[in-house]
Amino acid sequence: MSTFIKNQNWRYATKKFDATKKIATEDLNTLKEAIRLSTSSYGLQPYKVLIVENPELRSQLQQAAWGQSQVVDASHLIIFANETNFGEEGINNYFQNVSETREVSVESMKAYMDFMKSAITSLPEEARNIWTAKQTYLALGNLLNAAAELKIDVTPMEGFAPDKVNEILGLEALGLNASVMATIGYRHEEDATQHYKKVRKSNNELFLTL
């Protein structure tokens, strides 16, 4: 069995974190780099990633997350916030980054840039917001996999009120929306769920060969 598969069997959605254990700076930086290197549609990364350490903020956010203890007990709380009404400005910024990174002119990429603008800006705003929100889950996947390699626990969380989180953090004014959260840290020895057998569909139930 590969190390990757062993790590996937090891990880689970931790229900109780050990609040006394903190993630080392080096490991946190590795997780941040894994998120930064995540794939995204067109490579645009239309989101921001908030790392919440402030105890007072996390206490407020716990109330927006139905009182779940992970929000305050985990070493860090990560919020993936998609950009709302993403459009030409974000695309222009992307191509400027490409230009500087690859040392090519923006003009040389104009045809592709125009195509991308046409494909994205022609979508209704609601559809664009759904699309940018989906991109955050790709980044979340990289976080889950990188953390499992480091034996750091992660709990992905959709169980929260986005409007309330947006209000607490002032995200609307920044053109952002809380899409998905993740608490990261180390499982508590009293978390009984770590001993549960992993339940997944069988290969025959899950995969279709066409």
C-alpha atoms as a PDB file:
ATOM      1  CA  MET A   1       0.000   0.000   0.000  1.00  0.00           C
ATOM      2  CA  SER A   2       1.378   3.406  -0.965  1.00  0.00           C
ATOM      3  CA  THR A   3       2.212   6.014   1.657  1.00  0.00           C
ATOM      4  CA  PHE A   4      -0.446   8.289   0.161  1.00  0.00           C
ATOM      5  CA  ILE A   5      -3.174   5.667   0.658  1.00  0.00           C
ATOM      6  CA  LYS A   6      -1.960   4.950   4.184  1.00  0.00           C
ATOM      7  CA  ASN A   7      -2.245   8.665   4.948  1.00  0.00           C
ATOM      8  CA  GLN A   8      -5.788   8.738   3.550  1.00  0.00           C
ATOM      9  CA  ASN A   9      -6.732   5.855   5.825  1.00  0.00           C
ATOM     10  CA  TRP A  10      -5.130   7.653   8.776  1.00  0.00           C
ATOM     11  CA  ARG A  11      -6.962  10.964   8.321  1.00  0.00           C
ATOM     12  CA  TYR A  12     -10.537  11.591   9.431  1.00  0.00           C
ATOM     13  CA  ALA A  13     -12.734  14.572  10.213  1.00  0.00           C
ATOM     14  CA  THR A  14     -11.533  15.216  13.749  1.00  0.00           C
ATOM     15  CA  LYS A  15     -14.340  15.921  16.202  1.00  0.00           C
ATOM     16  CA  LYS A  16     -12.232  16.892  19.224  1.00  0.00           C
ATOM     17  CA  PHE A  17      -8.870  18.670  19.048  1.00  0.00           C
ATOM     18  CA  ASP A  18      -6.197  18.865  21.724  1.00  0.00           C
ATOM     19  CA  ALA A  19      -6.216  22.592  22.495  1.00  0.00           C
ATOM     20  CA  THR A  20      -2.757  22.361  24.116  1.00  0.00           C
ATOM     21  CA  LYS A  21      -1.026  21.341  20.894  1.00  0.00           C
ATOM     22  CA  LYS A  22      -0.043  23.928  18.291  1.00  0.00           C
ATOM     23  CA  ILE A  23       1.234  23.476  14.753  1.00  0.00           C
ATOM     24  CA  ALA A  24       4.880  24.422  14.304  1.00  0.00           C
ATOM     25  CA  THR A  25       5.573  27.424  12.096  1.00  0.00           C
ATOM     26  CA  GLU A  26       7.495  25.290   9.595  1.00  0.00           C
ATOM     27  CA  ASP A  27       4.580  22.873   9.207  1.00  0.00           C
ATOM     28  CA  LEU A  28       2.078  25.705   8.916  1.00  0.00           C
ATOM     29  CA  ASN A  29       4.191  27.231   6.158  1.00  0.00           C
ATOM     30  CA  THR A  30       4.186  23.869   4.356  1.00  0.00           C
ATOM     31  CA  LEU A  31       0.393  23.744   4.512  1.00  0.00           C
ATOM     32  CA  LYS A  32       0.161  27.318   3.247  1.00  0.00           C
ATOM     33  CA  GLU A  33       2.435  26.453   0.324  1.00  0.00           C
ATOM     34  CA  ALA A  34       0.327  23.380  -0.475  1.00  0.00           C
ATOM     35  CA  ILE A  35      -2.754  25.607  -0.607  1.00  0.00           C
ATOM     36  CA  ARG A  36      -0.921  28.193  -2.725  1.00  0.00           C
ATOM     37  CA  LEU A  37       0.118  25.541  -5.254  1.00  0.00           C
ATOM     38  CA  SER A  38      -3.400  24.135  -5.618  1.00  0.00           C
ATOM     39  CA  THR A  39      -4.916  23.746  -9.027  1.00  0.00           C
ATOM     40  CA  SER A  40      -7.741  26.085 -10.026  1.00  0.00           C
ATOM     41  CA  SER A  41      -9.755  26.826 -13.136  1.00  0.00           C
ATOM     42  CA  TYR A  42      -7.560  28.732 -15.599  1.00  0.00           C
ATOM     43  CA  GLY A  43      -5.049  29.020 -12.728  1.00  0.00           C
ATOM     44  CA  LEU A  44      -6.929  32.109 -11.514  1.00  0.00           C
ATOM     45  CA  GLN A  45      -7.244  31.205  -7.805  1.00  0.00           C
ATOM     46  CA  PRO A  46     -10.339  33.426  -7.357  1.00  0.00           C
ATOM     47  CA  TYR A  47     -10.331  33.308  -3.569  1.00  0.00           C
ATOM     48  CA  LYS A  48      -8.522  34.392  -0.427  1.00  0.00           C
ATOM     49  CA  VAL A  49      -7.456  32.181   2.462  1.00  0.00           C
ATOM     50  CA  LEU A  50      -7.877  33.568   5.966  1.00  0.00           C
ATOM     51  CA  ILE A  51      -5.907  32.029   8.826  1.00  0.00           C
ATOM     52  CA  VAL A  52      -7.660  32.990  12.042  1.00  0.00           C
ATOM     53  CA  GLU A  53      -5.575  32.834  15.205  1.00  0.00           C
ATOM     54  CA  ASN A  54      -7.240  35.584  17.287  1.00  0.00           C
ATOM     55  CA  PRO A  55      -9.092  33.857  20.175  1.00  0.00           C
ATOM     56  CA  GLU A  56     -11.803  36.522  20.393  1.00  0.00           C
ATOM     57  CA  LEU A  57     -12.591  36.259  16.696  1.00  0.00           C
ATOM     58  CA  ARG A  58     -12.660  32.480  16.884  1.00  0.00           C
ATOM     59  CA  SER A  59     -15.061  32.620  19.801  1.00  0.00           C
ATOM     60  CA  GLN A  60     -17.402  34.763  17.706  1.00  0.00           C
ATOM     61  CA  LEU A  61     -17.005  32.458  14.736  1.00  0.00           C
ATOM     62  CA  GLN A  62     -17.818  29.446  16.894  1.00  0.00           C
ATOM     63  CA  GLN A  63     -21.287  30.877  17.409  1.00  0.00           C
ATOM     64  CA  ALA A  64     -21.642  31.206  13.636  1.00  0.00           C
ATOM     65  CA  ALA A  65     -20.599  27.552  13.334  1.00  0.00           C
ATOM     66  CA  TRP A  66     -23.352  26.188  15.549  1.00  0.00           C
ATOM     67  CA  GLY A  67     -21.104  26.051  18.606  1.00  0.00           C
ATOM     68  CA  GLN A  68     -18.715  23.435  17.230  1.00  0.00           C
ATOM     69  CA  SER A  69     -15.740  23.089  19.580  1.00  0.00           C
ATOM     70  CA  GLN A  70     -13.209  22.532  16.791  1.00  0.00           C
ATOM     71  CA  VAL A  71     -13.380  26.217  15.881  1.00  0.00           C
ATOM     72  CA  VAL A  72     -11.801  27.276  19.165  1.00  0.00           C
ATOM     73  CA  ASP A  73      -9.853  24.157  20.187  1.00  0.00           C
ATOM     74  CA  ALA A  74      -7.898  23.511  16.977  1.00  0.00           C
ATOM     75  CA  SER A  75      -4.469  25.029  16.523  1.00  0.00           C
ATOM     76  CA  HIS A  76      -5.665  27.190  13.620  1.00  0.00           C
ATOM     77  CA  LEU A  77      -8.895  28.015  11.834  1.00  0.00           C
ATOM     78  CA  ILE A  78      -8.714  28.424   8.068  1.00  0.00           C
ATOM     79  CA  ILE A  79     -11.475  30.097   6.069  1.00  0.00           C
ATOM     80  CA  PHE A  80     -11.562  29.801   2.292  1.00  0.00           C
ATOM     81  CA  ALA A  81     -13.387  32.849   0.935  1.00  0.00           C
ATOM     82  CA  ASN A  82     -14.333  33.031  -2.728  1.00  0.00           C
ATOM     83  CA  GLU A  83     -14.201  36.315  -4.614  1.00  0.00           C
ATOM     84  CA  THR A  84     -17.648  37.612  -5.507  1.00  0.00           C
ATOM     85  CA  ASN A  85     -18.492  39.150  -8.871  1.00  0.00           C
ATOM     86  CA  PHE A  86     -15.110  38.025 -10.210  1.00  0.00           C
ATOM     87  CA  GLY A  87     -14.343  39.648 -13.541  1.00  0.00           C
ATOM     88  CA  GLU A  88     -11.925  41.632 -15.679  1.00  0.00           C
ATOM     89  CA  GLU A  89      -9.839  43.031 -12.832  1.00  0.00           C
ATOM     90  CA  GLY A  90      -9.023  39.576 -11.492  1.00  0.00           C
ATOM     91  CA  ILE A  91      -8.198  38.328 -14.973  1.00  0.00           C
ATOM     92  CA  ASN A  92      -5.962  41.325 -15.671  1.00  0.00           C
ATOM     93  CA  ASN A  93      -4.106  40.710 -12.412  1.00  0.00           C
ATOM     94  CA  TYR A  94      -3.592  37.083 -13.358  1.00  0.00           C
ATOM     95  CA  PHE A  95      -2.064  37.910 -16.742  1.00  0.00           C
ATOM     96  CA  GLN A  96       0.164  40.539 -15.165  1.00  0.00           C
ATOM     97  CA  ASN A  97       1.430  37.817 -12.834  1.00  0.00           C
ATOM     98  CA  VAL A  98       1.989  35.475 -15.790  1.00  0.00           C
ATOM     99  CA  SER A  99       3.886  38.212 -17.588  1.00  0.00           C
ATOM    100  CA  GLU A 100       6.204  38.847 -14.651  1.00  0.00           C
ATOM    101  CA  THR A 101       6.689  35.173 -13.761  1.00  0.00           C
ATOM    102  CA  ARG A 102       7.361  33.875 -17.280  1.00  0.00           C
ATOM    103  CA  GLU A 103       8.915  37.062 -18.627  1.00  0.00           C
ATOM    104  CA  VAL A 104       6.521  37.420 -21.531  1.00  0.00           C
ATOM    105  CA  SER A 105       4.495  40.437 -22.556  1.00  0.00           C
ATOM    106  CA  VAL A 106       0.824  40.773 -21.702  1.00  0.00           C
ATOM    107  CA  GLU A 107       0.222  41.724 -25.348  1.00  0.00           C
ATOM    108  CA  SER A 108       1.490  38.323 -26.503  1.00  0.00           C
ATOM    109  CA  MET A 109      -1.301  36.670 -24.488  1.00  0.00           C
ATOM    110  CA  LYS A 110      -4.073  39.027 -25.573  1.00  0.00           C
ATOM    111  CA  ALA A 111      -6.041  36.438 -27.562  1.00  0.00           C
ATOM    112  CA  TYR A 112      -6.184  34.029 -24.629  1.00  0.00           C
ATOM    113  CA  MET A 113      -6.924  36.864 -22.210  1.00  0.00           C
ATOM    114  CA  ASP A 114      -9.827  38.074 -24.353  1.00  0.00           C
ATOM    115  CA  PHE A 115     -11.173  34.525 -24.611  1.00  0.00           C
ATOM    116  CA  MET A 116     -11.011  34.100 -20.832  1.00  0.00           C
ATOM    117  CA  LYS A 117     -12.742  37.431 -20.210  1.00  0.00           C
ATOM    118  CA  SER A 118     -15.494  36.551 -22.656  1.00  0.00           C
ATOM    119  CA  ALA A 119     -16.027  33.107 -21.117  1.00  0.00           C
ATOM    120  CA  ILE A 120     -16.146  34.341 -17.532  1.00  0.00           C
ATOM    121  CA  THR A 121     -17.739  37.789 -17.659  1.00  0.00           C
ATOM    122  CA  SER A 122     -20.578  36.523 -19.851  1.00  0.00           C
ATOM    123  CA  LEU A 123     -21.774  34.364 -16.955  1.00  0.00           C
ATOM    124  CA  PRO A 124     -24.455  35.808 -14.654  1.00  0.00           C
ATOM    125  CA  GLU A 125     -23.017  37.034 -11.358  1.00  0.00           C
ATOM    126  CA  GLU A 126     -24.653  34.205  -9.400  1.00  0.00           C
ATOM    127  CA  ALA A 127     -23.073  31.611 -11.685  1.00  0.00           C
ATOM    128  CA  ARG A 128     -19.664  33.252 -11.317  1.00  0.00           C
ATOM    129  CA  ASN A 129     -20.000  33.227  -7.543  1.00  0.00           C
ATOM    130  CA  ILE A 130     -20.878  29.535  -7.570  1.00  0.00           C
ATOM    131  CA  TRP A 131     -17.872  28.888  -9.813  1.00  0.00           C
ATOM    132  CA  THR A 132     -15.419  30.773  -7.592  1.00  0.00           C
ATOM    133  CA  ALA A 133     -16.813  29.013  -4.517  1.00  0.00           C
ATOM    134  CA  LYS A 134     -16.147  25.639  -6.155  1.00  0.00           C
ATOM    135  CA  GLN A 135     -12.506  26.592  -6.652  1.00  0.00           C
ATOM    136  CA  THR A 136     -12.003  26.827  -2.894  1.00  0.00           C
ATOM    137  CA  TYR A 137     -12.700  23.108  -2.556  1.00  0.00           C
ATOM    138  CA  LEU A 138      -9.750  22.313  -4.805  1.00  0.00           C
ATOM    139  CA  ALA A 139      -7.513  24.236  -2.415  1.00  0.00           C
ATOM    140  CA  LEU A 140      -9.141  22.465   0.533  1.00  0.00           C
ATOM    141  CA  GLY A 141      -8.257  19.120  -1.061  1.00  0.00           C
ATOM    142  CA  ASN A 142      -4.589  20.069  -1.222  1.00  0.00           C
ATOM    143  CA  LEU A 143      -4.703  21.098   2.436  1.00  0.00           C
ATOM    144  CA  LEU A 144      -6.223  17.751   3.432  1.00  0.00           C
ATOM    145  CA  ASN A 145      -3.595  15.753   1.564  1.00  0.00           C
ATOM    146  CA  ALA A 146      -0.613  17.810   2.713  1.00  0.00           C
ATOM    147  CA  ALA A 147      -1.789  17.753   6.320  1.00  0.00           C
ATOM    148  CA  ALA A 148      -2.227  13.975   6.269  1.00  0.00           C
ATOM    149  CA  GLU A 149       1.377  13.622   5.106  1.00  0.00           C
ATOM    150  CA  LEU A 150       2.493  15.711   8.108  1.00  0.00           C
ATOM    151  CA  LYS A 151       0.138  13.815  10.453  1.00  0.00           C
ATOM    152  CA  ILE A 152      -1.790  16.999  11.128  1.00  0.00           C
ATOM    153  CA  ASP A 153      -5.521  16.649  11.563  1.00  0.00           C
ATOM    154  CA  VAL A 154      -8.036  18.630   9.528  1.00  0.00           C
ATOM    155  CA  THR A 155     -11.782  18.986   9.838  1.00  0.00           C
ATOM    156  CA  PRO A 156     -13.454  20.414   6.711  1.00  0.00           C
ATOM    157  CA  MET A 157     -16.528  22.379   7.763  1.00  0.00           C
ATOM    158  CA  GLU A 158     -19.590  23.473   5.830  1.00  0.00           C
ATOM    159  CA  GLY A 159     -21.603  23.668   9.034  1.00  0.00           C
ATOM    160  CA  PHE A 160     -21.653  27.411   9.526  1.00  0.00           C
ATOM    161  CA  ALA A 161     -23.708  30.442   8.573  1.00  0.00           C
ATOM    162  CA  PRO A 162     -21.780  32.182   5.756  1.00  0.00           C
ATOM    163  CA  ASP A 163     -23.638  35.475   6.178  1.00  0.00           C
ATOM    164  CA  LYS A 164     -22.718  35.581   9.857  1.00  0.00           C
ATOM    165  CA  VAL A 165     -19.060  34.738   9.173  1.00  0.00           C
ATOM    166  CA  ASN A 166     -18.990  37.398   6.473  1.00  0.00           C
ATOM    167  CA  GLU A 167     -20.393  39.910   8.926  1.00  0.00           C
ATOM    168  CA  ILE A 168     -17.930  39.076  11.719  1.00  0.00           C
ATOM    169  CA  LEU A 169     -14.913  39.324   9.428  1.00  0.00           C
ATOM    170  CA  GLY A 170     -16.161  42.156   7.222  1.00  0.00           C
ATOM    171  CA  LEU A 171     -15.771  40.029   4.114  1.00  0.00           C
ATOM    172  CA  GLU A 172     -18.538  41.592   2.040  1.00  0.00           C
ATOM    173  CA  ALA A 173     -16.686  44.908   1.946  1.00  0.00           C
ATOM    174  CA  LEU A 174     -13.663  43.035   0.607  1.00  0.00           C
ATOM    175  CA  GLY A 175     -15.656  41.370  -2.169  1.00  0.00           C
ATOM    176  CA  LEU A 176     -15.385  37.993  -0.460  1.00  0.00           C
ATOM    177  CA  ASN A 177     -17.716  35.270   0.798  1.00  0.00           C
ATOM    178  CA  ALA A 178     -16.936  32.500   3.288  1.00  0.00           C
ATOM    179  CA  SER A 179     -17.232  29.323   1.230  1.00  0.00           C
ATOM    180  CA  VAL A 180     -15.771  26.537   3.392  1.00  0.00           C
ATOM    181  CA  MET A 181     -13.758  26.346   6.603  1.00  0.00           C
ATOM    182  CA  ALA A 182     -11.187  23.934   7.989  1.00  0.00           C
ATOM    183  CA  THR A 183      -9.856  23.506  11.484  1.00  0.00           C
ATOM    184  CA  ILE A 184      -6.320  22.134  11.734  1.00  0.00           C
ATOM    185  CA  GLY A 185      -4.335  20.765  14.655  1.00  0.00           C
ATOM    186  CA  TYR A 186      -3.986  17.509  16.534  1.00  0.00           C
ATOM    187  CA  ARG A 187      -6.636  15.012  17.579  1.00  0.00           C
ATOM    188  CA  HIS A 188      -7.451  14.680  21.261  1.00  0.00           C
ATOM    189  CA  GLU A 189      -6.877  11.258  22.749  1.00  0.00           C
ATOM    190  CA  GLU A 190     -10.476  11.372  23.964  1.00  0.00           C
ATOM    191  CA  ASP A 191     -11.882  11.729  20.453  1.00  0.00           C
ATOM    192  CA  ALA A 192     -13.534   8.334  20.063  1.00  0.00           C
ATOM    193  CA  THR A 193     -14.206   8.829  16.355  1.00  0.00           C
ATOM    194  CA  GLN A 194     -10.503   8.344  15.548  1.00  0.00           C
ATOM    195  CA  HIS A 195     -10.986   4.644  16.259  1.00  0.00           C
ATOM    196  CA  TYR A 196     -13.976   4.197  13.961  1.00  0.00           C
ATOM    197  CA  LYS A 197     -13.461   2.129  10.833  1.00  0.00           C
ATOM    198  CA  LYS A 198     -13.551   4.268   7.706  1.00  0.00           C
ATOM    199  CA  VAL A 199     -16.814   3.770   5.827  1.00  0.00           C
ATOM    200  CA  ARG A 200     -16.699   4.270   2.075  1.00  0.00           C
ATOM    201  CA  LYS A 201     -18.444   2.803  -0.957  1.00  0.00           C
ATOM    202  CA  SER A 202     -16.810  -0.233  -2.539  1.00  0.00           C
ATOM    203  CA  ASN A 203     -15.052   0.086  -5.900  1.00  0.00           C
ATOM    204  CA  ASN A 204     -17.999  -1.628  -7.608  1.00  0.00           C
ATOM    205  CA  GLU A 205     -20.448   0.828  -6.067  1.00  0.00           C
ATOM    206  CA  LEU A 206     -18.386   3.919  -6.762  1.00  0.00           C
ATOM    207  CA  PHE A 207     -16.669   3.483 -10.114  1.00  0.00           C
ATOM    208  CA  LEU A 208     -18.253   3.130 -13.538  1.00  0.00           C
ATOM    209  CA  THR A 209     -16.169   2.105 -16.531  1.00  0.00           C
ATOM    210  CA  LEU A 210     -17.690   3.315 -19.797  1.00  0.00           C
END
